[in-house]
Amino acid sequence: MGMYTELVISTRVKDDPGAIEILKFMTGRGELPPTLPEHPLFTTARWKFMLTCSSYYFVPRSMTRFEFDDIGKYWCFISRSDFKNYDDEVAKFVDWLRPYLPDRDEMIGYYRYEEADEPTIIYGTEKT
């Protein structure tokens, strides 16, 4: 049956039309873009709905807040979902999102495997 992974993201996103169009679609607020970037995320089976999935293994509702900040000129993106991370969608999503983050040194969220005691922190840049 497989295990679930919770993904929580809270960050700013640059006002890039292509990225915004994709994030709107992924959060259920837009249409599928006519063209997609060549990135491994978009070859996975779950990328289209990973930000809207939820189960009863975690908080039983996905949620998203995605709005433009007129003063800062960036998008505020907050998302909580959980899904079966079979194709490593979490890592691929974060890798795709990173170039669109204005503050790449800060923590942007976490993911937590269903049977894990501790979450894994996600940063805007890869930490080793």
Protein backbone atom coordinates (compact mmCIF):
# COMPACT_ATOMS: atom_id res chain seq x y z
CA MET A 1 0.00 0.00 0.00
CA GLY A 2 2.83 2.44 0.71
CA MET A 3 3.48 5.19 3.19
CA TYR A 4 2.53 8.87 3.18
CA THR A 5 4.84 11.87 3.38
CA GLU A 6 3.67 15.21 4.75
CA LEU A 7 5.01 18.31 2.97
CA VAL A 8 4.79 21.78 4.52
CA ILE A 9 6.14 24.81 2.62
CA SER A 10 6.08 28.45 3.74
CA THR A 11 8.11 30.84 1.63
CA ARG A 12 8.20 33.79 -0.73
CA VAL A 13 8.27 33.14 -4.48
CA LYS A 14 9.58 35.52 -7.14
CA ASP A 15 7.00 36.99 -9.49
CA ASP A 16 7.93 34.71 -12.39
CA PRO A 17 4.90 34.18 -14.69
CA GLY A 18 5.81 30.59 -15.64
CA ALA A 19 6.43 29.45 -12.07
CA ILE A 20 3.31 31.21 -10.79
CA GLU A 21 1.16 29.60 -13.48
CA ILE A 22 2.46 26.15 -12.49
CA LEU A 23 1.99 26.77 -8.75
CA LYS A 24 -1.55 28.02 -9.35
CA PHE A 25 -2.33 24.83 -11.26
CA MET A 26 -0.70 22.61 -8.61
CA THR A 27 -2.77 24.28 -5.87
CA GLY A 28 -6.06 23.95 -7.75
CA ARG A 29 -6.30 27.63 -8.66
CA GLY A 30 -5.50 27.58 -12.35
CA GLU A 31 -5.39 25.67 -15.60
CA LEU A 32 -2.69 23.27 -16.76
CA PRO A 33 -0.03 25.40 -18.47
CA PRO A 34 0.28 24.72 -22.22
CA THR A 35 4.02 24.04 -21.87
CA LEU A 36 6.03 22.79 -18.91
CA PRO A 37 9.71 23.17 -18.10
CA GLU A 38 11.99 20.25 -18.77
CA HIS A 39 12.47 19.20 -15.17
CA PRO A 40 12.21 15.74 -13.55
CA LEU A 41 9.28 16.89 -11.39
CA PHE A 42 7.02 17.06 -14.43
CA THR A 43 7.70 13.45 -15.39
CA THR A 44 6.31 12.09 -12.08
CA ALA A 45 2.83 10.64 -11.80
CA ARG A 46 1.72 12.80 -8.86
CA TRP A 47 3.12 16.27 -9.60
CA LYS A 48 -0.26 17.63 -10.76
CA PHE A 49 -2.02 16.98 -7.47
CA MET A 50 0.73 16.60 -4.85
CA LEU A 51 -0.09 19.98 -3.24
CA THR A 52 -3.80 19.16 -2.88
CA CYS A 53 -3.58 15.59 -1.52
CA SER A 54 -4.33 14.58 2.04
CA SER A 55 -4.88 11.43 4.07
CA TYR A 56 -5.90 10.57 7.60
CA TYR A 57 -2.33 9.70 8.58
CA PHE A 58 -1.65 13.41 9.08
CA VAL A 59 -3.94 16.43 9.47
CA PRO A 60 -6.79 15.27 7.25
CA ARG A 61 -6.90 18.34 5.02
CA SER A 62 -4.52 19.90 2.56
CA MET A 63 -4.39 23.68 2.53
CA THR A 64 -2.76 26.40 0.51
CA ARG A 65 -2.44 30.14 0.74
CA PHE A 66 -0.98 31.72 -2.36
CA GLU A 67 -1.25 35.47 -2.86
CA PHE A 68 0.76 38.38 -4.25
CA ASP A 69 2.30 40.92 -1.86
CA ASP A 70 2.04 44.31 -3.57
CA ILE A 71 4.58 45.94 -1.24
CA GLY A 72 7.26 43.26 -1.41
CA LYS A 73 6.52 42.36 -5.06
CA TYR A 74 6.62 38.62 -4.40
CA TRP A 75 4.15 35.79 -3.92
CA CYS A 76 3.48 34.41 -0.43
CA PHE A 77 3.22 30.62 -0.71
CA ILE A 78 2.08 28.42 2.16
CA SER A 79 1.11 24.81 1.52
CA ARG A 80 0.42 21.67 3.58
CA SER A 81 -0.30 18.33 1.96
CA ASP A 82 0.54 14.65 2.25
CA PHE A 83 0.82 11.99 -0.40
CA LYS A 84 2.75 8.87 -1.36
CA ASN A 85 6.18 10.13 -2.38
CA TYR A 86 6.90 7.16 -4.66
CA ASP A 87 8.73 9.09 -7.37
CA ASP A 88 10.64 11.37 -4.97
CA GLU A 89 8.24 14.19 -5.78
CA VAL A 90 9.21 16.15 -2.66
CA ALA A 91 12.88 16.45 -3.63
CA LYS A 92 12.02 17.15 -7.26
CA PHE A 93 9.47 19.83 -6.31
CA VAL A 94 11.93 21.59 -4.01
CA ASP A 95 14.65 21.40 -6.67
CA TRP A 96 12.29 22.96 -9.24
CA LEU A 97 11.11 25.66 -6.78
CA ARG A 98 14.54 26.80 -5.52
CA PRO A 99 15.45 29.12 -8.42
CA TYR A 100 12.25 31.09 -7.77
CA LEU A 101 13.01 31.80 -4.10
CA PRO A 102 14.28 35.31 -3.28
CA ASP A 103 15.66 34.30 0.14
CA ARG A 104 17.47 31.07 -0.54
CA ASP A 105 19.37 30.76 2.75
CA GLU A 106 16.34 30.41 4.99
CA MET A 107 14.23 27.43 6.01
CA ILE A 108 11.26 27.05 3.67
CA GLY A 109 9.50 24.08 5.23
CA TYR A 110 9.78 20.43 6.10
CA TYR A 111 8.68 16.98 5.07
CA ARG A 112 7.91 14.06 7.35
CA TYR A 113 7.58 10.41 6.44
CA GLU A 114 4.59 8.66 8.03
CA GLU A 115 6.69 6.51 10.39
CA ALA A 116 9.40 9.08 11.13
CA ASP A 117 9.76 10.58 14.59
CA GLU A 118 11.36 13.78 13.29
CA PRO A 119 10.75 15.92 10.20
CA THR A 120 13.43 16.77 7.65
CA ILE A 121 13.95 20.53 7.35
CA ILE A 122 13.99 22.03 3.84
CA TYR A 123 16.14 25.07 3.09
CA GLY A 124 16.17 27.35 0.08
CA THR A 125 19.64 26.06 -0.75
CA GLU A 126 20.86 22.52 -0.36
CA LYS A 127 22.51 21.94 3.02
CA THR A 128 25.05 19.16 3.39
